[in-house]
C-alpha cells in the first residue's frame, strides 16, 4: 500500500491492520434510544448514520462537531452542519436530526450532545455512537468516562482497512490517524478523559514500530 509521499511495507501494513482491528469494538449493533454521530473529516460517518436510521435502530440522531484544523477546509460551515446536510440528502427526516455545532474534541462531542438532547427533553438509557472505524474504541472509552450511566454501543462502516484506505485515498494519513488514536487510548485515562482500555502487547509493539517508522504526524506532543 502506498500514498503520494510514502511506501508502506508489508510489515507496516500488517501492523496497521492489527491496530485497526483493536480500535474496532466489534459491538453487536442494536436498537438504541438515540444515536450520536461524531464529527470528523470523513463524511462517510454521516452516510452510515443514515443507513442505521433506515434500519430502524434509533428515533433521534445528533450530529456533533464544529471545526478542527484538519476539517475546516473540507467542512467550512462545521462538521455537524455538513453531516446533517448529507443525511438529509440520503433521506433522513429533518425532525429526527439535532445539531451540536460547537464541539472541538471527543469529550465535547459527548458532553455537548448530552446537553442538546436534554434541552430537547431526551434522556436516553442507551446511545449508539457512530464514528470512523478506527475511532470506535476511543469514543467508547470517552463516553463511558463522561456518561457512565448510559449503555454505549459503537458502530462504524463495516470496512476492512484496505477498503477504508481506498475511500480516503491516503494510506499514510490513515495509519497516522490510527496511531494517533491509539496513543490517546493509552494516554487519556491518565488525564481523566477516558476509562482505561487493555492494550495487548502485540498492539503496543505495532504502535511503537510504526511511530519509529515515522507514522507520527497525529501524535499528541509534550
N, C-alpha and C. Protein backbone atom coordinates (compact mmCIF):
# COMPACT_ATOMS: atom_id res chain seq x y z
N UNK A 1 0.85 -1.19 0.00
CA UNK A 1 0.00 0.00 0.00
C UNK A 1 0.88 1.24 0.00
N UNK A 2 0.50 2.23 -0.76
CA UNK A 2 1.31 3.44 -0.82
C UNK A 2 0.42 4.66 -0.98
N UNK A 3 0.91 5.80 -0.48
CA UNK A 3 0.25 7.05 -0.77
C UNK A 3 1.22 7.92 -1.56
N UNK A 4 0.90 9.18 -1.73
CA UNK A 4 1.72 10.03 -2.58
C UNK A 4 3.12 10.24 -2.02
N UNK A 5 3.26 10.15 -0.70
CA UNK A 5 4.53 10.50 -0.09
C UNK A 5 5.32 9.31 0.43
N UNK A 6 4.65 8.23 0.75
CA UNK A 6 5.32 7.13 1.44
C UNK A 6 4.92 5.79 0.86
N UNK A 7 5.84 4.87 0.90
CA UNK A 7 5.53 3.48 0.57
C UNK A 7 5.42 2.71 1.88
N UNK A 8 4.32 1.99 2.04
CA UNK A 8 4.08 1.21 3.25
C UNK A 8 4.52 -0.22 2.98
N UNK A 9 5.42 -0.72 3.80
CA UNK A 9 5.91 -2.08 3.63
C UNK A 9 4.85 -3.09 4.07
N UNK A 10 5.05 -4.35 3.69
CA UNK A 10 4.10 -5.38 4.10
C UNK A 10 4.07 -5.51 5.62
N UNK A 11 5.21 -5.39 6.27
CA UNK A 11 5.24 -5.46 7.73
C UNK A 11 4.46 -4.32 8.35
N UNK A 12 4.64 -3.12 7.84
CA UNK A 12 3.91 -1.97 8.37
C UNK A 12 2.41 -2.13 8.13
N UNK A 13 2.04 -2.66 6.99
CA UNK A 13 0.62 -2.87 6.70
C UNK A 13 0.02 -3.87 7.68
N UNK A 14 0.74 -4.96 7.97
CA UNK A 14 0.24 -5.93 8.94
C UNK A 14 0.09 -5.29 10.32
N UNK A 15 1.05 -4.46 10.70
CA UNK A 15 0.96 -3.76 11.97
C UNK A 15 -0.25 -2.83 12.00
N UNK A 16 -0.48 -2.13 10.90
CA UNK A 16 -1.62 -1.24 10.81
C UNK A 16 -2.93 -2.02 10.91
N UNK A 17 -3.00 -3.18 10.28
CA UNK A 17 -4.22 -3.99 10.35
C UNK A 17 -4.48 -4.45 11.78
N UNK A 18 -3.42 -4.75 12.51
CA UNK A 18 -3.57 -5.17 13.91
C UNK A 18 -4.17 -4.03 14.73
N UNK A 19 -3.68 -2.83 14.53
CA UNK A 19 -4.20 -1.67 15.24
C UNK A 19 -5.63 -1.37 14.82
N UNK A 20 -5.90 -1.49 13.53
CA UNK A 20 -7.25 -1.29 13.01
C UNK A 20 -8.25 -2.19 13.72
N UNK A 21 -7.94 -3.47 13.82
CA UNK A 21 -8.84 -4.41 14.47
C UNK A 21 -8.98 -4.11 15.96
N UNK A 22 -7.92 -3.65 16.59
CA UNK A 22 -8.01 -3.30 18.01
C UNK A 22 -8.94 -2.12 18.22
N UNK A 23 -8.87 -1.13 17.37
CA UNK A 23 -9.72 0.05 17.52
C UNK A 23 -11.19 -0.28 17.40
N UNK A 24 -11.54 -1.26 16.61
CA UNK A 24 -12.94 -1.59 16.41
C UNK A 24 -13.45 -2.41 17.60
N UNK A 25 -14.58 -1.99 18.15
CA UNK A 25 -15.10 -2.64 19.35
C UNK A 25 -15.86 -3.93 19.03
N UNK A 26 -16.26 -4.11 17.79
CA UNK A 26 -16.99 -5.32 17.37
C UNK A 26 -18.26 -5.52 18.19
N UNK A 27 -18.91 -4.41 18.49
CA UNK A 27 -20.20 -4.49 19.18
C UNK A 27 -21.27 -5.03 18.23
N UNK A 28 -22.19 -5.75 18.78
CA UNK A 28 -23.37 -6.12 18.02
C UNK A 28 -24.30 -4.92 17.97
N UNK A 29 -24.47 -4.33 16.80
CA UNK A 29 -25.28 -3.12 16.70
C UNK A 29 -26.74 -3.47 16.99
N UNK A 30 -27.34 -2.67 17.86
CA UNK A 30 -28.72 -2.95 18.28
C UNK A 30 -29.49 -1.64 18.41
N UNK A 31 -30.78 -1.77 18.60
CA UNK A 31 -31.63 -0.59 18.76
C UNK A 31 -31.24 0.19 20.01
N UNK A 32 -31.13 1.50 19.87
CA UNK A 32 -30.79 2.38 20.99
C UNK A 32 -31.77 3.56 21.02
N UNK A 33 -31.77 4.27 22.15
CA UNK A 33 -32.68 5.39 22.31
C UNK A 33 -32.32 6.56 21.39
N UNK A 34 -31.03 6.78 21.21
CA UNK A 34 -30.55 7.85 20.32
C UNK A 34 -29.26 7.40 19.67
N UNK A 35 -28.89 8.09 18.60
CA UNK A 35 -27.56 7.93 18.01
C UNK A 35 -26.85 9.27 18.04
N UNK A 36 -25.54 9.21 18.25
CA UNK A 36 -24.70 10.40 18.17
C UNK A 36 -23.62 10.11 17.14
N UNK A 37 -23.60 10.91 16.08
CA UNK A 37 -22.60 10.75 15.03
C UNK A 37 -21.50 11.78 15.26
N UNK A 38 -20.29 11.30 15.44
CA UNK A 38 -19.17 12.15 15.84
C UNK A 38 -18.52 12.79 14.62
N UNK A 39 -18.42 14.11 14.65
CA UNK A 39 -17.80 14.84 13.57
C UNK A 39 -16.35 14.47 13.36
N UNK A 40 -15.91 14.55 12.11
CA UNK A 40 -14.55 14.17 11.74
C UNK A 40 -14.33 14.63 10.30
N UNK A 41 -13.27 14.15 9.68
CA UNK A 41 -13.01 14.52 8.29
C UNK A 41 -13.58 13.54 7.28
N UNK A 42 -14.41 12.60 7.74
CA UNK A 42 -14.95 11.54 6.88
C UNK A 42 -16.47 11.64 6.80
N UNK A 43 -16.98 12.14 5.69
CA UNK A 43 -18.42 12.30 5.50
C UNK A 43 -19.14 10.96 5.47
N UNK A 44 -18.37 9.87 5.32
CA UNK A 44 -18.96 8.54 5.36
C UNK A 44 -19.63 8.23 6.68
N UNK A 45 -19.23 8.92 7.75
CA UNK A 45 -19.89 8.73 9.05
C UNK A 45 -21.36 9.14 8.96
N UNK A 46 -21.61 10.26 8.29
CA UNK A 46 -23.00 10.70 8.11
C UNK A 46 -23.79 9.70 7.29
N UNK A 47 -23.16 9.16 6.25
CA UNK A 47 -23.85 8.19 5.40
C UNK A 47 -24.17 6.92 6.18
N UNK A 48 -23.24 6.48 7.01
CA UNK A 48 -23.50 5.26 7.79
C UNK A 48 -24.59 5.52 8.82
N UNK A 49 -24.60 6.70 9.42
CA UNK A 49 -25.68 7.04 10.36
C UNK A 49 -27.03 6.99 9.65
N UNK A 50 -27.08 7.47 8.42
CA UNK A 50 -28.32 7.42 7.65
C UNK A 50 -28.75 5.98 7.41
N UNK A 51 -27.81 5.10 7.10
CA UNK A 51 -28.12 3.68 6.89
C UNK A 51 -28.70 3.07 8.16
N UNK A 52 -28.11 3.40 9.28
CA UNK A 52 -28.58 2.84 10.55
C UNK A 52 -29.96 3.37 10.91
N UNK A 53 -30.21 4.63 10.57
CA UNK A 53 -31.57 5.16 10.80
C UNK A 53 -32.57 4.41 9.93
N UNK A 54 -32.22 4.20 8.66
CA UNK A 54 -33.11 3.48 7.75
C UNK A 54 -33.39 2.07 8.26
N UNK A 55 -32.44 1.51 8.99
CA UNK A 55 -32.62 0.17 9.55
C UNK A 55 -33.49 0.17 10.81
N UNK A 56 -33.90 1.35 11.25
CA UNK A 56 -34.80 1.45 12.39
C UNK A 56 -34.13 1.32 13.74
N UNK A 57 -32.85 1.67 13.83
CA UNK A 57 -32.11 1.43 15.06
C UNK A 57 -32.22 2.55 16.09
N UNK A 58 -32.76 3.70 15.72
CA UNK A 58 -32.92 4.80 16.68
C UNK A 58 -33.92 5.81 16.12
N UNK A 59 -34.59 6.56 17.02
CA UNK A 59 -35.57 7.56 16.57
C UNK A 59 -35.04 8.99 16.51
N UNK A 60 -33.86 9.23 17.10
CA UNK A 60 -33.30 10.57 17.13
C UNK A 60 -31.79 10.48 16.89
N UNK A 61 -31.26 11.50 16.18
CA UNK A 61 -29.87 11.48 15.76
C UNK A 61 -29.23 12.84 15.98
N UNK A 62 -28.13 12.85 16.71
CA UNK A 62 -27.36 14.08 16.93
C UNK A 62 -26.12 14.04 16.05
N UNK A 63 -25.92 15.08 15.28
CA UNK A 63 -24.64 15.30 14.61
C UNK A 63 -23.87 16.33 15.43
N UNK A 64 -22.65 15.99 15.81
CA UNK A 64 -21.87 16.84 16.69
C UNK A 64 -20.51 17.15 16.09
N UNK A 65 -20.12 18.42 16.18
CA UNK A 65 -18.79 18.81 15.74
C UNK A 65 -18.77 20.19 15.11
N UNK A 66 -17.80 20.98 15.53
CA UNK A 66 -17.57 22.27 14.90
C UNK A 66 -16.50 22.13 13.85
N UNK A 67 -15.37 22.73 14.09
CA UNK A 67 -14.26 22.63 13.16
C UNK A 67 -12.97 22.33 13.91
N UNK A 68 -12.04 21.73 13.20
CA UNK A 68 -10.69 21.49 13.70
C UNK A 68 -9.74 21.84 12.56
N UNK A 69 -8.45 21.94 12.85
CA UNK A 69 -7.51 22.25 11.77
C UNK A 69 -7.58 21.29 10.59
N UNK A 70 -7.96 20.03 10.85
CA UNK A 70 -7.98 19.04 9.77
C UNK A 70 -9.31 19.00 9.02
N UNK A 71 -10.33 19.72 9.51
CA UNK A 71 -11.63 19.67 8.84
C UNK A 71 -12.13 21.02 8.34
N UNK A 72 -11.49 22.09 8.73
CA UNK A 72 -12.00 23.43 8.41
C UNK A 72 -12.14 23.65 6.91
N UNK A 73 -11.17 23.18 6.13
CA UNK A 73 -11.25 23.37 4.69
C UNK A 73 -12.27 22.44 4.04
N UNK A 74 -12.39 21.24 4.57
CA UNK A 74 -13.32 20.27 4.00
C UNK A 74 -14.77 20.61 4.34
N UNK A 75 -14.99 21.02 5.60
CA UNK A 75 -16.34 21.34 6.08
C UNK A 75 -16.34 22.76 6.65
N UNK A 76 -16.30 23.78 5.80
CA UNK A 76 -16.12 25.15 6.28
C UNK A 76 -17.23 25.65 7.20
N UNK A 77 -18.44 25.08 7.08
CA UNK A 77 -19.54 25.50 7.95
C UNK A 77 -19.67 24.63 9.18
N UNK A 78 -18.69 23.75 9.39
CA UNK A 78 -18.69 22.90 10.57
C UNK A 78 -19.08 21.47 10.24
N UNK A 79 -18.48 20.54 10.95
CA UNK A 79 -18.69 19.12 10.69
C UNK A 79 -20.17 18.74 10.83
N UNK A 80 -20.79 19.13 11.94
CA UNK A 80 -22.17 18.71 12.18
C UNK A 80 -23.12 19.26 11.12
N UNK A 81 -22.88 20.49 10.68
CA UNK A 81 -23.75 21.10 9.68
C UNK A 81 -23.67 20.33 8.36
N UNK A 82 -22.46 20.03 7.93
CA UNK A 82 -22.28 19.29 6.68
C UNK A 82 -22.80 17.86 6.81
N UNK A 83 -22.60 17.23 7.96
CA UNK A 83 -23.09 15.87 8.17
C UNK A 83 -24.62 15.85 8.10
N UNK A 84 -25.25 16.84 8.71
CA UNK A 84 -26.72 16.92 8.65
C UNK A 84 -27.19 17.03 7.21
N UNK A 85 -26.53 17.88 6.44
CA UNK A 85 -26.94 18.05 5.05
C UNK A 85 -26.81 16.75 4.26
N UNK A 86 -25.75 16.00 4.52
CA UNK A 86 -25.58 14.72 3.84
C UNK A 86 -26.68 13.73 4.24
N UNK A 87 -27.01 13.71 5.52
CA UNK A 87 -28.06 12.80 5.99
C UNK A 87 -29.41 13.17 5.37
N UNK A 88 -29.68 14.45 5.25
CA UNK A 88 -30.93 14.87 4.60
C UNK A 88 -30.96 14.43 3.15
N UNK A 89 -29.82 14.56 2.45
CA UNK A 89 -29.73 14.09 1.07
C UNK A 89 -30.05 12.61 0.96
N UNK A 90 -29.70 11.86 2.00
CA UNK A 90 -29.89 10.41 2.00
C UNK A 90 -31.24 9.99 2.57
N UNK A 91 -32.09 10.98 2.86
CA UNK A 91 -33.46 10.66 3.22
C UNK A 91 -33.80 10.65 4.69
N UNK A 92 -32.87 11.03 5.57
CA UNK A 92 -33.21 11.10 6.99
C UNK A 92 -34.12 12.31 7.19
N UNK A 93 -35.28 12.16 7.83
CA UNK A 93 -36.20 13.29 8.01
C UNK A 93 -35.59 14.38 8.90
N UNK A 94 -35.80 15.61 8.53
CA UNK A 94 -35.23 16.72 9.29
C UNK A 94 -35.62 16.71 10.77
N UNK A 95 -36.88 16.40 11.12
CA UNK A 95 -37.24 16.44 12.55
C UNK A 95 -36.48 15.43 13.41
N UNK A 96 -35.93 14.41 12.80
CA UNK A 96 -35.17 13.40 13.54
C UNK A 96 -33.83 13.95 14.03
N UNK A 97 -33.29 14.95 13.33
CA UNK A 97 -31.90 15.37 13.50
C UNK A 97 -31.77 16.55 14.45
N UNK A 98 -30.81 16.43 15.38
CA UNK A 98 -30.36 17.54 16.22
C UNK A 98 -28.92 17.86 15.85
N UNK A 99 -28.56 19.13 15.92
CA UNK A 99 -27.21 19.56 15.54
C UNK A 99 -26.52 20.18 16.74
N UNK A 100 -25.33 19.71 17.01
CA UNK A 100 -24.47 20.28 18.05
C UNK A 100 -23.25 20.82 17.32
N UNK A 101 -23.12 22.13 17.10
CA UNK A 101 -22.12 22.67 16.18
C UNK A 101 -20.86 23.23 16.83
N UNK A 102 -20.63 22.96 18.11
CA UNK A 102 -19.53 23.64 18.81
C UNK A 102 -18.36 22.73 19.20
N UNK A 103 -18.59 21.44 19.35
CA UNK A 103 -17.56 20.55 19.90
C UNK A 103 -16.29 20.55 19.06
N UNK A 104 -15.16 20.56 19.74
CA UNK A 104 -13.88 20.54 19.05
C UNK A 104 -13.02 19.35 19.46
N UNK A 105 -13.54 18.46 20.30
CA UNK A 105 -12.85 17.23 20.65
C UNK A 105 -13.88 16.19 21.07
N UNK A 106 -13.43 14.97 21.27
CA UNK A 106 -14.38 13.88 21.53
C UNK A 106 -15.11 14.05 22.85
N UNK A 107 -14.42 14.55 23.87
CA UNK A 107 -15.07 14.80 25.14
C UNK A 107 -16.21 15.79 24.99
N UNK A 108 -15.97 16.84 24.23
CA UNK A 108 -17.03 17.82 23.99
C UNK A 108 -18.14 17.24 23.12
N UNK A 109 -17.80 16.37 22.16
CA UNK A 109 -18.83 15.69 21.38
C UNK A 109 -19.83 15.02 22.30
N UNK A 110 -19.34 14.32 23.31
CA UNK A 110 -20.21 13.59 24.24
C UNK A 110 -20.96 14.57 25.14
N UNK A 111 -20.23 15.47 25.78
CA UNK A 111 -20.82 16.37 26.76
C UNK A 111 -21.83 17.32 26.13
N UNK A 112 -21.47 17.91 25.00
CA UNK A 112 -22.36 18.87 24.35
C UNK A 112 -23.57 18.18 23.74
N UNK A 113 -23.39 16.96 23.22
CA UNK A 113 -24.54 16.22 22.68
C UNK A 113 -25.52 15.87 23.79
N UNK A 114 -25.00 15.49 24.90
CA UNK A 114 -25.86 15.19 26.05
C UNK A 114 -26.68 16.42 26.43
N UNK A 115 -26.05 17.58 26.38
CA UNK A 115 -26.73 18.82 26.71
C UNK A 115 -27.84 19.13 25.69
N UNK A 116 -27.54 18.94 24.41
CA UNK A 116 -28.54 19.19 23.37
C UNK A 116 -29.72 18.24 23.52
N UNK A 117 -29.45 17.00 23.79
CA UNK A 117 -30.53 16.04 23.99
C UNK A 117 -31.41 16.43 25.17
N UNK A 118 -30.79 16.79 26.28
CA UNK A 118 -31.55 17.18 27.46
C UNK A 118 -32.42 18.40 27.18
N UNK A 119 -31.87 19.34 26.42
CA UNK A 119 -32.63 20.55 26.08
C UNK A 119 -33.86 20.22 25.23
N UNK A 120 -33.82 19.07 24.57
CA UNK A 120 -34.95 18.64 23.75
C UNK A 120 -35.78 17.56 24.45
N UNK A 121 -35.57 17.44 25.75
CA UNK A 121 -36.37 16.52 26.54
C UNK A 121 -36.03 15.06 26.37
N UNK A 122 -34.82 14.76 25.89
CA UNK A 122 -34.41 13.38 25.64
C UNK A 122 -33.33 12.99 26.65
N UNK A 123 -33.63 12.00 27.47
CA UNK A 123 -32.67 11.48 28.45
C UNK A 123 -32.52 9.99 28.16
N UNK A 124 -31.58 9.62 27.30
CA UNK A 124 -31.50 8.23 26.84
C UNK A 124 -30.90 7.29 27.88
N UNK A 125 -31.30 6.05 27.79
CA UNK A 125 -30.65 4.99 28.57
C UNK A 125 -29.59 4.28 27.75
N UNK A 126 -29.73 4.34 26.42
CA UNK A 126 -28.77 3.71 25.52
C UNK A 126 -28.42 4.67 24.39
N UNK A 127 -27.15 4.66 23.99
CA UNK A 127 -26.66 5.56 22.95
C UNK A 127 -25.85 4.76 21.94
N UNK A 128 -26.14 4.98 20.67
CA UNK A 128 -25.36 4.39 19.59
C UNK A 128 -24.38 5.45 19.09
N UNK A 129 -23.09 5.22 19.29
CA UNK A 129 -22.07 6.14 18.81
C UNK A 129 -21.64 5.73 17.41
N UNK A 130 -21.82 6.64 16.45
CA UNK A 130 -21.45 6.37 15.07
C UNK A 130 -20.20 7.20 14.76
N UNK A 131 -19.16 6.53 14.29
CA UNK A 131 -17.89 7.23 14.10
C UNK A 131 -17.06 6.51 13.05
N UNK A 132 -15.86 7.00 12.82
CA UNK A 132 -14.93 6.32 11.93
C UNK A 132 -14.53 4.98 12.55
N UNK A 133 -14.22 3.97 11.74
CA UNK A 133 -13.90 2.66 12.29
C UNK A 133 -12.77 2.68 13.33
N UNK A 134 -11.72 3.45 13.06
CA UNK A 134 -10.59 3.43 13.99
C UNK A 134 -10.79 4.36 15.19
N UNK A 135 -11.95 4.98 15.28
CA UNK A 135 -12.25 5.85 16.41
C UNK A 135 -13.17 5.19 17.43
N UNK A 136 -13.64 3.98 17.13
CA UNK A 136 -14.63 3.35 18.00
C UNK A 136 -14.15 3.22 19.44
N UNK A 137 -12.96 2.69 19.64
CA UNK A 137 -12.51 2.41 21.00
C UNK A 137 -12.34 3.69 21.81
N UNK A 138 -11.77 4.71 21.19
CA UNK A 138 -11.58 5.96 21.92
C UNK A 138 -12.92 6.62 22.22
N UNK A 139 -13.86 6.55 21.27
CA UNK A 139 -15.19 7.10 21.52
C UNK A 139 -15.87 6.37 22.66
N UNK A 140 -15.76 5.04 22.66
CA UNK A 140 -16.36 4.23 23.73
C UNK A 140 -15.76 4.59 25.08
N UNK A 141 -14.44 4.64 25.15
CA UNK A 141 -13.77 4.92 26.43
C UNK A 141 -14.11 6.32 26.94
N UNK A 142 -14.25 7.25 26.03
CA UNK A 142 -14.61 8.62 26.41
C UNK A 142 -16.03 8.68 26.93
N UNK A 143 -16.96 8.06 26.23
CA UNK A 143 -18.36 8.09 26.65
C UNK A 143 -18.55 7.39 27.99
N UNK A 144 -17.86 6.29 28.19
CA UNK A 144 -18.01 5.56 29.45
C UNK A 144 -17.47 6.39 30.63
N UNK A 145 -16.49 7.22 30.38
CA UNK A 145 -15.96 8.08 31.43
C UNK A 145 -16.90 9.24 31.72
N UNK A 146 -17.40 9.89 30.68
CA UNK A 146 -18.15 11.13 30.84
C UNK A 146 -19.65 10.93 31.02
N UNK A 147 -20.14 9.76 30.62
CA UNK A 147 -21.59 9.50 30.67
C UNK A 147 -21.79 8.05 31.11
N UNK A 148 -21.33 7.70 32.30
CA UNK A 148 -21.28 6.29 32.70
C UNK A 148 -22.64 5.62 32.87
N UNK A 149 -23.69 6.43 33.04
CA UNK A 149 -25.00 5.84 33.30
C UNK A 149 -25.70 5.33 32.05
N UNK A 150 -25.19 5.61 30.88
CA UNK A 150 -25.84 5.13 29.66
C UNK A 150 -25.12 3.89 29.12
N UNK A 151 -25.89 3.05 28.48
CA UNK A 151 -25.30 1.95 27.74
C UNK A 151 -24.79 2.44 26.41
N UNK A 152 -23.55 2.12 26.07
CA UNK A 152 -22.90 2.63 24.87
C UNK A 152 -22.65 1.50 23.89
N UNK A 153 -23.10 1.70 22.66
CA UNK A 153 -22.84 0.77 21.57
C UNK A 153 -22.15 1.56 20.46
N UNK A 154 -21.07 1.02 19.92
CA UNK A 154 -20.33 1.70 18.86
C UNK A 154 -20.65 1.09 17.51
N UNK A 155 -20.70 1.95 16.49
CA UNK A 155 -20.97 1.49 15.13
C UNK A 155 -20.15 2.29 14.15
N UNK A 156 -19.68 1.62 13.12
CA UNK A 156 -18.97 2.28 12.03
C UNK A 156 -19.17 1.47 10.76
N UNK A 157 -18.80 2.06 9.65
CA UNK A 157 -18.95 1.35 8.38
C UNK A 157 -18.16 0.04 8.42
N UNK A 158 -18.76 -1.07 7.99
CA UNK A 158 -18.11 -2.38 8.08
C UNK A 158 -17.08 -2.58 6.96
N UNK A 159 -15.97 -1.88 7.08
CA UNK A 159 -14.94 -1.90 6.05
C UNK A 159 -13.65 -2.50 6.58
N UNK A 160 -12.91 -3.17 5.71
CA UNK A 160 -11.55 -3.56 6.04
C UNK A 160 -10.66 -2.34 5.98
N UNK A 161 -9.46 -2.44 6.52
CA UNK A 161 -8.52 -1.33 6.42
C UNK A 161 -8.24 -0.99 4.96
N UNK A 162 -8.08 -2.00 4.12
CA UNK A 162 -7.81 -1.76 2.72
C UNK A 162 -8.93 -1.01 2.03
N UNK A 163 -10.17 -1.40 2.31
CA UNK A 163 -11.31 -0.73 1.70
C UNK A 163 -11.43 0.71 2.21
N UNK A 164 -11.14 0.90 3.49
CA UNK A 164 -11.22 2.25 4.04
C UNK A 164 -10.17 3.15 3.41
N UNK A 165 -8.96 2.64 3.24
CA UNK A 165 -7.90 3.43 2.61
C UNK A 165 -8.30 3.82 1.18
N UNK A 166 -8.95 2.90 0.47
CA UNK A 166 -9.41 3.22 -0.89
C UNK A 166 -10.39 4.38 -0.87
N UNK A 167 -11.25 4.42 0.15
CA UNK A 167 -12.23 5.51 0.24
C UNK A 167 -11.55 6.83 0.58
N UNK A 168 -10.58 6.80 1.49
CA UNK A 168 -9.90 8.03 1.93
C UNK A 168 -8.86 8.47 0.91
N UNK A 169 -8.17 7.49 0.30
CA UNK A 169 -7.22 7.81 -0.74
C UNK A 169 -5.81 8.11 -0.27
N UNK A 170 -5.51 7.85 0.99
CA UNK A 170 -4.17 8.16 1.51
C UNK A 170 -3.84 7.19 2.64
N UNK A 171 -3.09 6.16 2.33
CA UNK A 171 -2.78 5.12 3.32
C UNK A 171 -1.95 5.68 4.46
N UNK A 172 -0.98 6.50 4.15
CA UNK A 172 -0.13 7.06 5.19
C UNK A 172 -0.92 7.89 6.19
N UNK A 173 -1.84 8.69 5.69
CA UNK A 173 -2.65 9.51 6.58
C UNK A 173 -3.51 8.64 7.49
N UNK A 174 -4.13 7.62 6.93
CA UNK A 174 -4.98 6.74 7.74
C UNK A 174 -4.15 6.07 8.83
N UNK A 175 -2.97 5.59 8.51
CA UNK A 175 -2.12 4.96 9.54
C UNK A 175 -1.71 5.98 10.58
N UNK A 176 -1.33 7.19 10.14
CA UNK A 176 -1.01 8.25 11.10
C UNK A 176 -2.17 8.48 12.06
N UNK A 177 -3.39 8.54 11.53
CA UNK A 177 -4.56 8.80 12.36
C UNK A 177 -4.81 7.66 13.35
N UNK A 178 -4.67 6.42 12.87
CA UNK A 178 -4.87 5.27 13.76
C UNK A 178 -3.85 5.25 14.88
N UNK A 179 -2.60 5.55 14.54
CA UNK A 179 -1.54 5.59 15.54
C UNK A 179 -1.83 6.68 16.56
N UNK A 180 -2.26 7.84 16.09
CA UNK A 180 -2.61 8.92 17.00
C UNK A 180 -3.76 8.56 17.92
N UNK A 181 -4.77 7.88 17.38
CA UNK A 181 -5.89 7.47 18.22
C UNK A 181 -5.45 6.44 19.26
N UNK A 182 -4.56 5.54 18.88
CA UNK A 182 -4.08 4.55 19.84
C UNK A 182 -3.30 5.22 20.97
N UNK A 183 -2.49 6.20 20.64
CA UNK A 183 -1.80 6.94 21.69
C UNK A 183 -2.80 7.55 22.67
N UNK A 184 -3.89 8.10 22.16
CA UNK A 184 -4.89 8.71 23.02
C UNK A 184 -5.61 7.68 23.87
N UNK A 185 -5.88 6.50 23.30
CA UNK A 185 -6.47 5.42 24.09
C UNK A 185 -5.59 5.08 25.28
N UNK A 186 -4.29 5.10 25.07
CA UNK A 186 -3.35 4.75 26.14
C UNK A 186 -3.13 5.89 27.13
N UNK A 187 -3.12 7.12 26.64
CA UNK A 187 -2.73 8.26 27.49
C UNK A 187 -3.90 8.99 28.13
N UNK A 188 -5.04 9.04 27.49
CA UNK A 188 -6.13 9.86 28.00
C UNK A 188 -6.68 9.42 29.36
N UNK A 189 -6.68 8.11 29.69
CA UNK A 189 -7.15 7.75 31.03
C UNK A 189 -6.32 8.41 32.14
N UNK A 190 -5.03 8.62 31.90
CA UNK A 190 -4.19 9.26 32.91
C UNK A 190 -4.59 10.71 33.13
N UNK A 191 -5.22 11.30 32.12
CA UNK A 191 -5.63 12.70 32.19
C UNK A 191 -7.08 12.86 32.61
N UNK A 192 -7.75 11.74 32.84
CA UNK A 192 -9.14 11.78 33.26
C UNK A 192 -10.14 11.95 32.13
N UNK A 193 -9.68 11.74 30.89
CA UNK A 193 -10.54 11.94 29.73
C UNK A 193 -11.31 10.69 29.32
N UNK A 194 -10.88 9.53 29.77
CA UNK A 194 -11.45 8.27 29.28
C UNK A 194 -11.18 7.17 30.30
N UNK A 195 -11.93 6.08 30.17
CA UNK A 195 -11.65 4.92 31.01
C UNK A 195 -10.47 4.15 30.44
N UNK A 196 -9.83 3.35 31.29
CA UNK A 196 -8.72 2.51 30.85
C UNK A 196 -9.21 1.44 29.89
N UNK A 197 -8.39 1.14 28.90
CA UNK A 197 -8.64 0.03 27.98
C UNK A 197 -7.40 -0.86 27.96
N UNK A 198 -7.60 -2.16 28.03
CA UNK A 198 -6.48 -3.08 27.92
C UNK A 198 -5.91 -3.01 26.50
N UNK A 199 -4.59 -2.85 26.42
CA UNK A 199 -3.92 -2.81 25.12
C UNK A 199 -2.98 -4.00 25.05
N UNK A 200 -3.27 -4.99 24.23
CA UNK A 200 -2.40 -6.17 24.15
C UNK A 200 -0.98 -5.80 23.75
N UNK A 201 -0.03 -6.61 24.20
CA UNK A 201 1.37 -6.34 23.91
C UNK A 201 1.66 -6.24 22.43
N UNK A 202 1.04 -7.09 21.63
CA UNK A 202 1.30 -7.06 20.19
C UNK A 202 0.84 -5.74 19.57
N UNK A 203 -0.24 -5.17 20.10
CA UNK A 203 -0.74 -3.89 19.60
C UNK A 203 0.22 -2.77 20.01
N UNK A 204 0.71 -2.81 21.23
CA UNK A 204 1.70 -1.82 21.67
C UNK A 204 2.97 -1.91 20.83
N UNK A 205 3.40 -3.12 20.55
CA UNK A 205 4.60 -3.30 19.74
C UNK A 205 4.40 -2.71 18.34
N UNK A 206 3.23 -2.96 17.76
CA UNK A 206 2.94 -2.42 16.43
C UNK A 206 2.94 -0.90 16.47
N UNK A 207 2.35 -0.35 17.51
CA UNK A 207 2.33 1.11 17.68
C UNK A 207 3.74 1.69 17.74
N UNK A 208 4.57 1.11 18.59
CA UNK A 208 5.92 1.64 18.76
C UNK A 208 6.73 1.52 17.47
N UNK A 209 6.54 0.43 16.74
CA UNK A 209 7.26 0.24 15.50
C UNK A 209 6.83 1.26 14.45
N UNK A 210 5.53 1.51 14.35
CA UNK A 210 5.05 2.47 13.36
C UNK A 210 5.46 3.90 13.72
N UNK A 211 5.47 4.23 15.00
CA UNK A 211 5.95 5.55 15.41
C UNK A 211 7.42 5.71 15.03
N UNK A 212 8.21 4.69 15.31
CA UNK A 212 9.63 4.73 14.96
C UNK A 212 9.82 4.88 13.46
N UNK A 213 8.89 4.32 12.68
CA UNK A 213 8.98 4.39 11.22
C UNK A 213 8.48 5.72 10.66
N UNK A 214 8.01 6.61 11.53
CA UNK A 214 7.63 7.93 11.09
C UNK A 214 6.15 8.19 10.92
N UNK A 215 5.30 7.26 11.39
CA UNK A 215 3.86 7.47 11.31
C UNK A 215 3.42 8.21 12.59
N UNK A 216 3.81 9.44 12.69
CA UNK A 216 3.69 10.17 13.94
C UNK A 216 3.08 11.56 13.82
N UNK A 217 2.50 11.88 12.68
CA UNK A 217 2.03 13.25 12.49
C UNK A 217 0.81 13.59 13.34
N UNK A 218 0.10 12.59 13.84
CA UNK A 218 -1.10 12.86 14.64
C UNK A 218 -0.90 12.56 16.12
N UNK A 219 0.34 12.42 16.54
CA UNK A 219 0.60 12.19 17.96
C UNK A 219 0.44 13.49 18.73
N UNK A 220 -0.05 13.35 19.97
CA UNK A 220 -0.04 14.50 20.87
C UNK A 220 1.37 14.69 21.38
N UNK A 221 1.79 15.92 21.50
CA UNK A 221 3.15 16.23 21.89
C UNK A 221 3.22 16.65 23.35
N UNK A 222 4.43 16.57 23.91
CA UNK A 222 4.62 17.04 25.26
C UNK A 222 4.74 15.92 26.26
